[in-house]
Amino acid sequence: MKIAITGVSGFLGSNLATMLSDLGHEIVAIDRKKGQFESQLRDSEVLVHTAALVHSFEDRPYEEYYHSNVLLTKQLAEAAKNQKVKKFIFISTIKVFGEERVEPIDENTTLNPIGHYSKSKAEAEKLLHDIFDHQECSLFILRPPLIFGPKVKANMGALIKLVSTSLPLPLKYDSNRRSFIFIDNFLDIIVKLIQKDIPSNDFVVTDTTLSIYELCYKLKTILGSKTFLFSVPTPILKFLFSCIGQSEKYYRLFGSLHINDNRIRQALDWSPPIEINESLKATIKG
């Protein structure tokens, strides 16, 4: 099968291209610099859109996010429709629901995007629904939480480095619930979406949910680190993080953002092929 992928130089796109190629598919790397998306998509049966301007550049104006995450998505979708692509798989983000939720998130949760990245992803989702409504091309929108795996950077990479230092850390907090997904498990979902014939749908996805303490304890055990995890009252932690201008990091560490992914598990008859301890070991090994 001929499969087009955007963002093949990124963490998700590069791993996806490798896995699909190993499965015998012909991979087309879509490059916006080449222009003419329609010619690049010719004869492709599936388009997986992983490319995006991500939240680590929040200091940029919204117009840049709109151009990369909304306008280019629109151009790709219209080209895919004109080229009779059979499936359009769009990688969105769980953050279209906000930065923190006490209750579990599912596909019926009200959107509440915060920040340029999340708002642009939510806008792109709406645009895709408008374009592919009543079309033969099947649309699948995937909303993953933090994706981790070998060579991951960002928050998970930073946390692994922190725990490996054996410094005492105020991360003995077991009341929050945070969902994650290992890269290979997420790729397995995408592969099954490509292989199976199911109707268009939006899906939240995850493979595990842990508190910050549970996650750090697992990392500490795997690393053999002597890090001492201790507790500090959350109001004090919240105040200290706000004092140094890191309120967002406080919520990412101690806030809850957990997922009920029953819909995709039932639709694909799916369960994670790799469990959390093995996925964390693979991530640390790199």
C-alpha atoms as a PDB file:
ATOM      1  CA  MET A   1       0.000   0.000   0.000  1.00  0.00           C
ATOM      2  CA  LYS A   2       1.195   3.521  -0.774  1.00  0.00           C
ATOM      3  CA  ILE A   3       1.065   5.639   2.386  1.00  0.00           C
ATOM      4  CA  ALA A   4       1.876   9.355   2.585  1.00  0.00           C
ATOM      5  CA  ILE A   5       3.238  10.799   5.821  1.00  0.00           C
ATOM      6  CA  THR A   6       3.931  14.388   6.847  1.00  0.00           C
ATOM      7  CA  GLY A   7       6.575  15.207   9.445  1.00  0.00           C
ATOM      8  CA  VAL A   8       8.853  12.262   8.654  1.00  0.00           C
ATOM      9  CA  SER A   9      11.797  14.083  10.233  1.00  0.00           C
ATOM     10  CA  GLY A  10       9.986  14.296  13.577  1.00  0.00           C
ATOM     11  CA  PHE A  11       9.861  11.856  16.488  1.00  0.00           C
ATOM     12  CA  LEU A  12       6.487  10.347  15.577  1.00  0.00           C
ATOM     13  CA  GLY A  13       6.718  10.612  11.792  1.00  0.00           C
ATOM     14  CA  SER A  14      10.168   9.037  11.517  1.00  0.00           C
ATOM     15  CA  ASN A  15       9.206   6.064  13.710  1.00  0.00           C
ATOM     16  CA  LEU A  16       5.956   5.610  11.802  1.00  0.00           C
ATOM     17  CA  ALA A  17       7.699   5.680   8.428  1.00  0.00           C
ATOM     18  CA  THR A  18      10.190   3.042   9.606  1.00  0.00           C
ATOM     19  CA  MET A  19       7.497   0.728  10.977  1.00  0.00           C
ATOM     20  CA  LEU A  20       5.269   0.962   7.899  1.00  0.00           C
ATOM     21  CA  SER A  21       8.239   0.469   5.575  1.00  0.00           C
ATOM     22  CA  ASP A  22       9.252  -2.622   7.554  1.00  0.00           C
ATOM     23  CA  LEU A  23       5.705  -3.920   7.037  1.00  0.00           C
ATOM     24  CA  GLY A  24       6.198  -3.643   3.276  1.00  0.00           C
ATOM     25  CA  HIS A  25       4.324  -0.404   2.531  1.00  0.00           C
ATOM     26  CA  GLU A  26       5.555   2.225   0.097  1.00  0.00           C
ATOM     27  CA  ILE A  27       6.168   5.459   1.994  1.00  0.00           C
ATOM     28  CA  VAL A  28       5.806   8.928   0.505  1.00  0.00           C
ATOM     29  CA  ALA A  29       7.323  11.715   2.606  1.00  0.00           C
ATOM     30  CA  ILE A  30       5.162  14.784   2.075  1.00  0.00           C
ATOM     31  CA  ASP A  31       7.252  17.956   2.011  1.00  0.00           C
ATOM     32  CA  ARG A  32       5.499  21.322   2.045  1.00  0.00           C
ATOM     33  CA  LYS A  33       8.613  22.949   0.553  1.00  0.00           C
ATOM     34  CA  LYS A  34       7.963  20.991  -2.642  1.00  0.00           C
ATOM     35  CA  GLY A  35       4.445  22.439  -2.876  1.00  0.00           C
ATOM     36  CA  GLN A  36       1.756  20.815  -5.019  1.00  0.00           C
ATOM     37  CA  PHE A  37       0.385  18.435  -2.418  1.00  0.00           C
ATOM     38  CA  GLU A  38      -1.862  16.835  -5.004  1.00  0.00           C
ATOM     39  CA  SER A  39       1.052  15.608  -7.101  1.00  0.00           C
ATOM     40  CA  GLN A  40       2.837  14.313  -3.990  1.00  0.00           C
ATOM     41  CA  LEU A  41      -0.309  12.438  -2.939  1.00  0.00           C
ATOM     42  CA  ARG A  42      -0.982  10.829  -6.300  1.00  0.00           C
ATOM     43  CA  ASP A  43      -1.933   7.140  -5.918  1.00  0.00           C
ATOM     44  CA  SER A  44      -1.595   7.234  -2.105  1.00  0.00           C
ATOM     45  CA  GLU A  45      -4.337   5.346  -0.275  1.00  0.00           C
ATOM     46  CA  VAL A  46      -3.653   6.780   3.174  1.00  0.00           C
ATOM     47  CA  LEU A  47      -2.328  10.107   4.481  1.00  0.00           C
ATOM     48  CA  VAL A  48      -1.054  10.335   8.072  1.00  0.00           C
ATOM     49  CA  HIS A  49      -0.587  13.970   9.067  1.00  0.00           C
ATOM     50  CA  THR A  50       1.913  14.135  11.965  1.00  0.00           C
ATOM     51  CA  ALA A  51       3.630  17.446  11.171  1.00  0.00           C
ATOM     52  CA  ALA A  52       2.887  20.421  13.431  1.00  0.00           C
ATOM     53  CA  LEU A  53       4.318  23.511  15.041  1.00  0.00           C
ATOM     54  CA  VAL A  54       4.328  22.357  18.649  1.00  0.00           C
ATOM     55  CA  HIS A  55       3.695  23.954  22.034  1.00  0.00           C
ATOM     56  CA  SER A  56       7.385  24.418  22.872  1.00  0.00           C
ATOM     57  CA  PHE A  57       7.298  27.616  20.807  1.00  0.00           C
ATOM     58  CA  GLU A  58       4.463  29.366  22.654  1.00  0.00           C
ATOM     59  CA  ASP A  59       6.281  32.689  22.371  1.00  0.00           C
ATOM     60  CA  ARG A  60       5.499  32.750  18.651  1.00  0.00           C
ATOM     61  CA  PRO A  61       2.394  34.611  17.429  1.00  0.00           C
ATOM     62  CA  TYR A  62      -0.775  32.635  16.774  1.00  0.00           C
ATOM     63  CA  GLU A  63      -0.546  33.436  13.063  1.00  0.00           C
ATOM     64  CA  GLU A  64       2.444  31.069  12.789  1.00  0.00           C
ATOM     65  CA  TYR A  65       0.489  28.267  14.463  1.00  0.00           C
ATOM     66  CA  TYR A  66      -2.471  28.977  12.223  1.00  0.00           C
ATOM     67  CA  HIS A  67      -0.312  28.769   9.112  1.00  0.00           C
ATOM     68  CA  SER A  68       1.425  25.522  10.117  1.00  0.00           C
ATOM     69  CA  ASN A  69      -1.347  23.681  11.938  1.00  0.00           C
ATOM     70  CA  VAL A  70      -4.532  24.955  10.297  1.00  0.00           C
ATOM     71  CA  LEU A  71      -3.863  26.367   6.834  1.00  0.00           C
ATOM     72  CA  LEU A  72      -1.455  23.605   5.765  1.00  0.00           C
ATOM     73  CA  THR A  73      -3.828  20.984   7.171  1.00  0.00           C
ATOM     74  CA  LYS A  74      -6.606  22.477   5.054  1.00  0.00           C
ATOM     75  CA  GLN A  75      -4.435  22.367   1.936  1.00  0.00           C
ATOM     76  CA  LEU A  76      -3.497  18.741   2.628  1.00  0.00           C
ATOM     77  CA  ALA A  77      -7.108  17.739   3.261  1.00  0.00           C
ATOM     78  CA  GLU A  78      -8.352  19.328   0.052  1.00  0.00           C
ATOM     79  CA  ALA A  79      -5.544  17.692  -1.926  1.00  0.00           C
ATOM     80  CA  ALA A  80      -6.317  14.325  -0.296  1.00  0.00           C
ATOM     81  CA  LYS A  81     -10.001  14.676  -1.182  1.00  0.00           C
ATOM     82  CA  ASN A  82      -9.192  15.571  -4.797  1.00  0.00           C
ATOM     83  CA  GLN A  83      -6.768  12.655  -5.095  1.00  0.00           C
ATOM     84  CA  LYS A  84      -9.326  10.185  -3.716  1.00  0.00           C
ATOM     85  CA  VAL A  85      -7.185   9.255  -0.702  1.00  0.00           C
ATOM     86  CA  LYS A  86      -9.132   6.619   1.228  1.00  0.00           C
ATOM     87  CA  LYS A  87      -8.069   7.500   4.777  1.00  0.00           C
ATOM     88  CA  PHE A  88      -6.875  10.739   6.390  1.00  0.00           C
ATOM     89  CA  ILE A  89      -5.361  10.211   9.852  1.00  0.00           C
ATOM     90  CA  PHE A  90      -4.781  13.449  11.764  1.00  0.00           C
ATOM     91  CA  ILE A  91      -2.594  13.536  14.868  1.00  0.00           C
ATOM     92  CA  SER A  92      -4.082  16.079  17.227  1.00  0.00           C
ATOM     93  CA  THR A  93      -3.465  16.347  20.992  1.00  0.00           C
ATOM     94  CA  ILE A  94      -5.260  15.586  24.242  1.00  0.00           C
ATOM     95  CA  LYS A  95      -4.607  19.206  25.149  1.00  0.00           C
ATOM     96  CA  VAL A  96      -7.571  20.314  23.032  1.00  0.00           C
ATOM     97  CA  PHE A  97      -9.450  19.444  26.251  1.00  0.00           C
ATOM     98  CA  GLY A  98      -7.271  21.729  28.401  1.00  0.00           C
ATOM     99  CA  GLU A  99      -4.226  21.440  30.639  1.00  0.00           C
ATOM    100  CA  GLU A 100      -5.950  19.818  33.603  1.00  0.00           C
ATOM    101  CA  ARG A 101      -9.119  17.780  34.157  1.00  0.00           C
ATOM    102  CA  VAL A 102     -10.259  16.105  37.361  1.00  0.00           C
ATOM    103  CA  GLU A 103     -12.654  13.752  35.563  1.00  0.00           C
ATOM    104  CA  PRO A 104     -11.481  11.208  32.947  1.00  0.00           C
ATOM    105  CA  ILE A 105     -11.469  12.542  29.388  1.00  0.00           C
ATOM    106  CA  ASP A 106     -13.304  10.743  26.616  1.00  0.00           C
ATOM    107  CA  GLU A 107     -14.549  11.701  23.161  1.00  0.00           C
ATOM    108  CA  ASN A 108     -17.624  13.416  24.636  1.00  0.00           C
ATOM    109  CA  THR A 109     -15.640  15.774  26.868  1.00  0.00           C
ATOM    110  CA  THR A 110     -16.080  19.446  25.996  1.00  0.00           C
ATOM    111  CA  LEU A 111     -13.099  21.015  24.222  1.00  0.00           C
ATOM    112  CA  ASN A 112     -11.220  23.678  26.168  1.00  0.00           C
ATOM    113  CA  PRO A 113      -7.934  24.387  24.339  1.00  0.00           C
ATOM    114  CA  ILE A 114      -5.463  26.640  26.140  1.00  0.00           C
ATOM    115  CA  GLY A 115      -2.518  28.174  24.312  1.00  0.00           C
ATOM    116  CA  HIS A 116      -1.644  28.653  20.654  1.00  0.00           C
ATOM    117  CA  TYR A 117      -0.758  25.024  19.923  1.00  0.00           C
ATOM    118  CA  SER A 118      -3.918  23.502  21.373  1.00  0.00           C
ATOM    119  CA  LYS A 119      -6.188  26.164  19.895  1.00  0.00           C
ATOM    120  CA  SER A 120      -4.733  25.659  16.425  1.00  0.00           C
ATOM    121  CA  LYS A 121      -5.188  21.888  16.716  1.00  0.00           C
ATOM    122  CA  ALA A 122      -8.818  22.314  17.758  1.00  0.00           C
ATOM    123  CA  GLU A 123      -9.399  24.659  14.832  1.00  0.00           C
ATOM    124  CA  ALA A 124      -7.788  22.160  12.455  1.00  0.00           C
ATOM    125  CA  GLU A 125     -10.040  19.375  13.788  1.00  0.00           C
ATOM    126  CA  LYS A 126     -13.171  21.426  13.065  1.00  0.00           C
ATOM    127  CA  LEU A 127     -11.918  22.285   9.586  1.00  0.00           C
ATOM    128  CA  LEU A 128     -11.263  18.610   8.787  1.00  0.00           C
ATOM    129  CA  HIS A 129     -14.755  17.616   9.863  1.00  0.00           C
ATOM    130  CA  ASP A 130     -16.174  20.288   7.564  1.00  0.00           C
ATOM    131  CA  ILE A 131     -14.064  19.133   4.600  1.00  0.00           C
ATOM    132  CA  PHE A 132     -14.642  15.384   4.960  1.00  0.00           C
ATOM    133  CA  ASP A 133     -18.284  15.438   6.030  1.00  0.00           C
ATOM    134  CA  HIS A 134     -20.230  13.120   3.680  1.00  0.00           C
ATOM    135  CA  GLN A 135     -17.037  12.312   1.737  1.00  0.00           C
ATOM    136  CA  GLU A 136     -15.778   8.857   0.776  1.00  0.00           C
ATOM    137  CA  CYS A 137     -12.422   9.522   2.460  1.00  0.00           C
ATOM    138  CA  SER A 138     -12.500   8.268   6.065  1.00  0.00           C
ATOM    139  CA  LEU A 139     -11.291  10.784   8.666  1.00  0.00           C
ATOM    140  CA  PHE A 140      -9.656   9.664  11.896  1.00  0.00           C
ATOM    141  CA  ILE A 141      -8.584  12.207  14.495  1.00  0.00           C
ATOM    142  CA  LEU A 142      -6.264  10.853  17.195  1.00  0.00           C
ATOM    143  CA  ARG A 143      -5.760  12.811  20.418  1.00  0.00           C
ATOM    144  CA  PRO A 144      -2.751  11.353  22.249  1.00  0.00           C
ATOM    145  CA  PRO A 145      -1.291  12.502  25.567  1.00  0.00           C
ATOM    146  CA  LEU A 146       2.491  12.749  26.022  1.00  0.00           C
ATOM    147  CA  ILE A 147       4.181  10.289  23.637  1.00  0.00           C
ATOM    148  CA  PHE A 148       7.408   8.810  24.972  1.00  0.00           C
ATOM    149  CA  GLY A 149      10.035   6.405  23.726  1.00  0.00           C
ATOM    150  CA  PRO A 150      13.735   6.082  22.880  1.00  0.00           C
ATOM    151  CA  LYS A 151      15.403   9.438  22.168  1.00  0.00           C
ATOM    152  CA  VAL A 152      12.393  11.336  23.496  1.00  0.00           C
ATOM    153  CA  LYS A 153      13.085  14.866  24.659  1.00  0.00           C
ATOM    154  CA  ALA A 154      10.623  17.366  26.141  1.00  0.00           C
ATOM    155  CA  ASN A 155       8.996  16.597  29.502  1.00  0.00           C
ATOM    156  CA  MET A 156       9.600  12.848  29.772  1.00  0.00           C
ATOM    157  CA  GLY A 157      13.234  13.197  28.741  1.00  0.00           C
ATOM    158  CA  ALA A 158      13.756  15.948  31.313  1.00  0.00           C
ATOM    159  CA  LEU A 159      12.104  13.879  34.060  1.00  0.00           C
ATOM    160  CA  ILE A 160      14.303  10.855  33.311  1.00  0.00           C
ATOM    161  CA  LYS A 161      17.418  13.025  33.560  1.00  0.00           C
ATOM    162  CA  LEU A 162      16.175  14.536  36.824  1.00  0.00           C
ATOM    163  CA  VAL A 163      15.469  11.189  38.468  1.00  0.00           C
ATOM    164  CA  SER A 164      18.819   9.802  37.284  1.00  0.00           C
ATOM    165  CA  THR A 165      20.731  12.519  39.202  1.00  0.00           C
ATOM    166  CA  SER A 166      19.836  10.896  42.559  1.00  0.00           C
ATOM    167  CA  LEU A 167      18.936  14.326  43.933  1.00  0.00           C
ATOM    168  CA  PRO A 168      16.089  14.500  46.479  1.00  0.00           C
ATOM    169  CA  LEU A 169      12.909  15.474  44.636  1.00  0.00           C
ATOM    170  CA  PRO A 170       9.559  16.771  45.964  1.00  0.00           C
ATOM    171  CA  LEU A 171       7.608  14.394  43.717  1.00  0.00           C
ATOM    172  CA  LYS A 172       5.998  12.044  46.244  1.00  0.00           C
ATOM    173  CA  TYR A 173       2.504  13.042  45.161  1.00  0.00           C
ATOM    174  CA  ASP A 174       0.067  10.233  44.495  1.00  0.00           C
ATOM    175  CA  SER A 175      -3.236  12.086  44.029  1.00  0.00           C
ATOM    176  CA  ASN A 176      -2.987  13.120  40.380  1.00  0.00           C
ATOM    177  CA  ARG A 177      -3.676  10.908  37.364  1.00  0.00           C
ATOM    178  CA  ARG A 178      -1.738  11.490  34.152  1.00  0.00           C
ATOM    179  CA  SER A 179      -2.029   9.464  30.947  1.00  0.00           C
ATOM    180  CA  PHE A 180       0.872   8.632  28.620  1.00  0.00           C
ATOM    181  CA  ILE A 181       1.465   6.467  25.577  1.00  0.00           C
ATOM    182  CA  PHE A 182       4.581   4.615  24.419  1.00  0.00           C
ATOM    183  CA  ILE A 183       5.584   5.365  20.833  1.00  0.00           C
ATOM    184  CA  ASP A 184       5.361   1.720  19.676  1.00  0.00           C
ATOM    185  CA  ASN A 185       1.892   1.332  21.180  1.00  0.00           C
ATOM    186  CA  PHE A 186       0.729   4.506  19.438  1.00  0.00           C
ATOM    187  CA  LEU A 187       2.210   3.290  16.152  1.00  0.00           C
ATOM    188  CA  ASP A 188       0.340   0.014  16.638  1.00  0.00           C
ATOM    189  CA  ILE A 189      -2.924   1.976  16.822  1.00  0.00           C
ATOM    190  CA  ILE A 190      -2.123   3.852  13.606  1.00  0.00           C
ATOM    191  CA  VAL A 191      -1.204   0.636  11.791  1.00  0.00           C
ATOM    192  CA  LYS A 192      -4.477  -0.994  12.863  1.00  0.00           C
ATOM    193  CA  LEU A 193      -6.424   2.083  11.704  1.00  0.00           C
ATOM    194  CA  ILE A 194      -4.769   1.706   8.315  1.00  0.00           C
ATOM    195  CA  GLN A 195      -5.439  -2.024   8.125  1.00  0.00           C
ATOM    196  CA  LYS A 196      -9.001  -2.187   9.446  1.00  0.00           C
ATOM    197  CA  ASP A 197     -12.160  -1.019   7.726  1.00  0.00           C
ATOM    198  CA  ILE A 198     -14.025   1.074  10.321  1.00  0.00           C
ATOM    199  CA  PRO A 199     -16.089   4.267   9.993  1.00  0.00           C
ATOM    200  CA  SER A 200     -14.654   7.759  10.477  1.00  0.00           C
ATOM    201  CA  ASN A 201     -14.251   8.681  14.136  1.00  0.00           C
ATOM    202  CA  ASP A 202     -12.418  10.787  16.701  1.00  0.00           C
ATOM    203  CA  PHE A 203     -10.397   8.904  19.308  1.00  0.00           C
ATOM    204  CA  VAL A 204      -8.587   9.723  22.521  1.00  0.00           C
ATOM    205  CA  VAL A 205      -5.705   7.278  23.024  1.00  0.00           C
ATOM    206  CA  THR A 206      -3.474   6.118  25.860  1.00  0.00           C
ATOM    207  CA  ASP A 207      -1.777   2.985  27.162  1.00  0.00           C
ATOM    208  CA  THR A 208      -1.222   3.818  30.837  1.00  0.00           C
ATOM    209  CA  THR A 209      -2.237   6.262  33.546  1.00  0.00           C
ATOM    210  CA  LEU A 210      -0.036   6.985  36.574  1.00  0.00           C
ATOM    211  CA  SER A 211       0.469   9.538  39.317  1.00  0.00           C
ATOM    212  CA  ILE A 212       3.701  11.536  39.228  1.00  0.00           C
ATOM    213  CA  TYR A 213       4.925   9.498  42.205  1.00  0.00           C
ATOM    214  CA  GLU A 214       4.150   6.165  40.511  1.00  0.00           C
ATOM    215  CA  LEU A 215       5.967   7.283  37.373  1.00  0.00           C
ATOM    216  CA  CYS A 216       9.028   8.555  39.258  1.00  0.00           C
ATOM    217  CA  TYR A 217       9.181   5.432  41.401  1.00  0.00           C
ATOM    218  CA  LYS A 218       9.167   3.237  38.298  1.00  0.00           C
ATOM    219  CA  LEU A 219      11.906   5.364  36.708  1.00  0.00           C
ATOM    220  CA  LYS A 220      13.940   5.323  39.932  1.00  0.00           C
ATOM    221  CA  THR A 221      13.696   1.518  40.126  1.00  0.00           C
ATOM    222  CA  ILE A 222      14.661   0.974  36.488  1.00  0.00           C
ATOM    223  CA  LEU A 223      17.537   3.460  36.673  1.00  0.00           C
ATOM    224  CA  GLY A 224      18.797   2.117  39.992  1.00  0.00           C
ATOM    225  CA  SER A 225      18.765   5.712  41.175  1.00  0.00           C
ATOM    226  CA  LYS A 226      19.133   6.674  44.844  1.00  0.00           C
ATOM    227  CA  THR A 227      16.786   9.606  44.388  1.00  0.00           C
ATOM    228  CA  PHE A 228      14.775  10.281  47.555  1.00  0.00           C
ATOM    229  CA  LEU A 229      11.191  11.208  46.753  1.00  0.00           C
ATOM    230  CA  PHE A 230       9.553  13.353  49.408  1.00  0.00           C
ATOM    231  CA  SER A 231       6.258  15.191  49.705  1.00  0.00           C
ATOM    232  CA  VAL A 232       5.563  18.911  50.025  1.00  0.00           C
ATOM    233  CA  PRO A 233       2.043  20.334  50.508  1.00  0.00           C
ATOM    234  CA  THR A 234       0.678  21.135  47.062  1.00  0.00           C
ATOM    235  CA  PRO A 235      -0.312  24.752  47.908  1.00  0.00           C
ATOM    236  CA  ILE A 236       3.343  25.431  48.747  1.00  0.00           C
ATOM    237  CA  LEU A 237       4.539  23.743  45.559  1.00  0.00           C
ATOM    238  CA  LYS A 238       2.016  25.668  43.488  1.00  0.00           C
ATOM    239  CA  PHE A 239       3.144  28.940  45.071  1.00  0.00           C
ATOM    240  CA  LEU A 240       6.841  28.185  44.506  1.00  0.00           C
ATOM    241  CA  PHE A 241       6.282  27.258  40.858  1.00  0.00           C
ATOM    242  CA  SER A 242       4.287  30.452  40.299  1.00  0.00           C
ATOM    243  CA  CYS A 243       7.034  32.530  41.894  1.00  0.00           C
ATOM    244  CA  ILE A 244       9.540  31.336  39.308  1.00  0.00           C
ATOM    245  CA  GLY A 245       7.092  31.693  36.416  1.00  0.00           C
ATOM    246  CA  GLN A 246       6.630  27.929  35.961  1.00  0.00           C
ATOM    247  CA  SER A 247       2.919  27.466  36.720  1.00  0.00           C
ATOM    248  CA  GLU A 248       2.482  25.463  33.508  1.00  0.00           C
ATOM    249  CA  LYS A 249       5.151  22.986  34.628  1.00  0.00           C
ATOM    250  CA  TYR A 250       3.398  22.630  37.984  1.00  0.00           C
ATOM    251  CA  TYR A 251       0.203  21.474  36.260  1.00  0.00           C
ATOM    252  CA  ARG A 252       2.129  19.126  33.965  1.00  0.00           C
ATOM    253  CA  LEU A 253       3.735  17.467  36.989  1.00  0.00           C
ATOM    254  CA  PHE A 254       0.977  17.546  39.580  1.00  0.00           C
ATOM    255  CA  GLY A 255      -2.224  18.158  37.618  1.00  0.00           C
ATOM    256  CA  SER A 256      -4.525  15.426  36.320  1.00  0.00           C
ATOM    257  CA  LEU A 257      -5.108  14.774  32.637  1.00  0.00           C
ATOM    258  CA  HIS A 258      -6.255  11.184  32.279  1.00  0.00           C
ATOM    259  CA  ILE A 259      -8.048   9.375  29.508  1.00  0.00           C
ATOM    260  CA  ASN A 260     -10.857   6.875  29.109  1.00  0.00           C
ATOM    261  CA  ASP A 261      -9.955   5.218  25.795  1.00  0.00           C
ATOM    262  CA  ASN A 262     -12.700   2.565  25.655  1.00  0.00           C
ATOM    263  CA  ARG A 263     -13.914   3.765  22.244  1.00  0.00           C
ATOM    264  CA  ILE A 264     -10.722   2.991  20.327  1.00  0.00           C
ATOM    265  CA  ARG A 265     -10.088  -0.244  22.235  1.00  0.00           C
ATOM    266  CA  GLN A 266     -13.505  -1.503  21.213  1.00  0.00           C
ATOM    267  CA  ALA A 267     -13.361  -0.167  17.640  1.00  0.00           C
ATOM    268  CA  LEU A 268      -9.990  -1.789  16.920  1.00  0.00           C
ATOM    269  CA  ASP A 269     -10.182  -4.644  19.440  1.00  0.00           C
ATOM    270  CA  TRP A 270      -6.958  -3.133  20.755  1.00  0.00           C
ATOM    271  CA  SER A 271      -4.849  -3.423  23.864  1.00  0.00           C
ATOM    272  CA  PRO A 272      -1.274  -2.165  24.330  1.00  0.00           C
ATOM    273  CA  PRO A 273       1.228  -4.758  23.070  1.00  0.00           C
ATOM    274  CA  ILE A 274       3.970  -3.337  25.311  1.00  0.00           C
ATOM    275  CA  GLU A 275       3.350  -2.788  29.032  1.00  0.00           C
ATOM    276  CA  ILE A 276       4.591   0.228  30.982  1.00  0.00           C
ATOM    277  CA  ASN A 277       7.704  -1.210  32.649  1.00  0.00           C
ATOM    278  CA  GLU A 278       9.055  -2.524  29.353  1.00  0.00           C
ATOM    279  CA  SER A 279       8.264   0.735  27.564  1.00  0.00           C
ATOM    280  CA  LEU A 280      10.056   2.791  30.235  1.00  0.00           C
ATOM    281  CA  LYS A 281      13.082   0.467  30.064  1.00  0.00           C
ATOM    282  CA  ALA A 282      13.210   0.871  26.268  1.00  0.00           C
ATOM    283  CA  THR A 283      12.925   4.653  26.632  1.00  0.00           C
ATOM    284  CA  ILE A 284      15.749   4.862  29.158  1.00  0.00           C
ATOM    285  CA  LYS A 285      17.955   2.537  27.108  1.00  0.00           C
ATOM    286  CA  GLY A 286      17.424   4.816  24.130  1.00  0.00           C
END
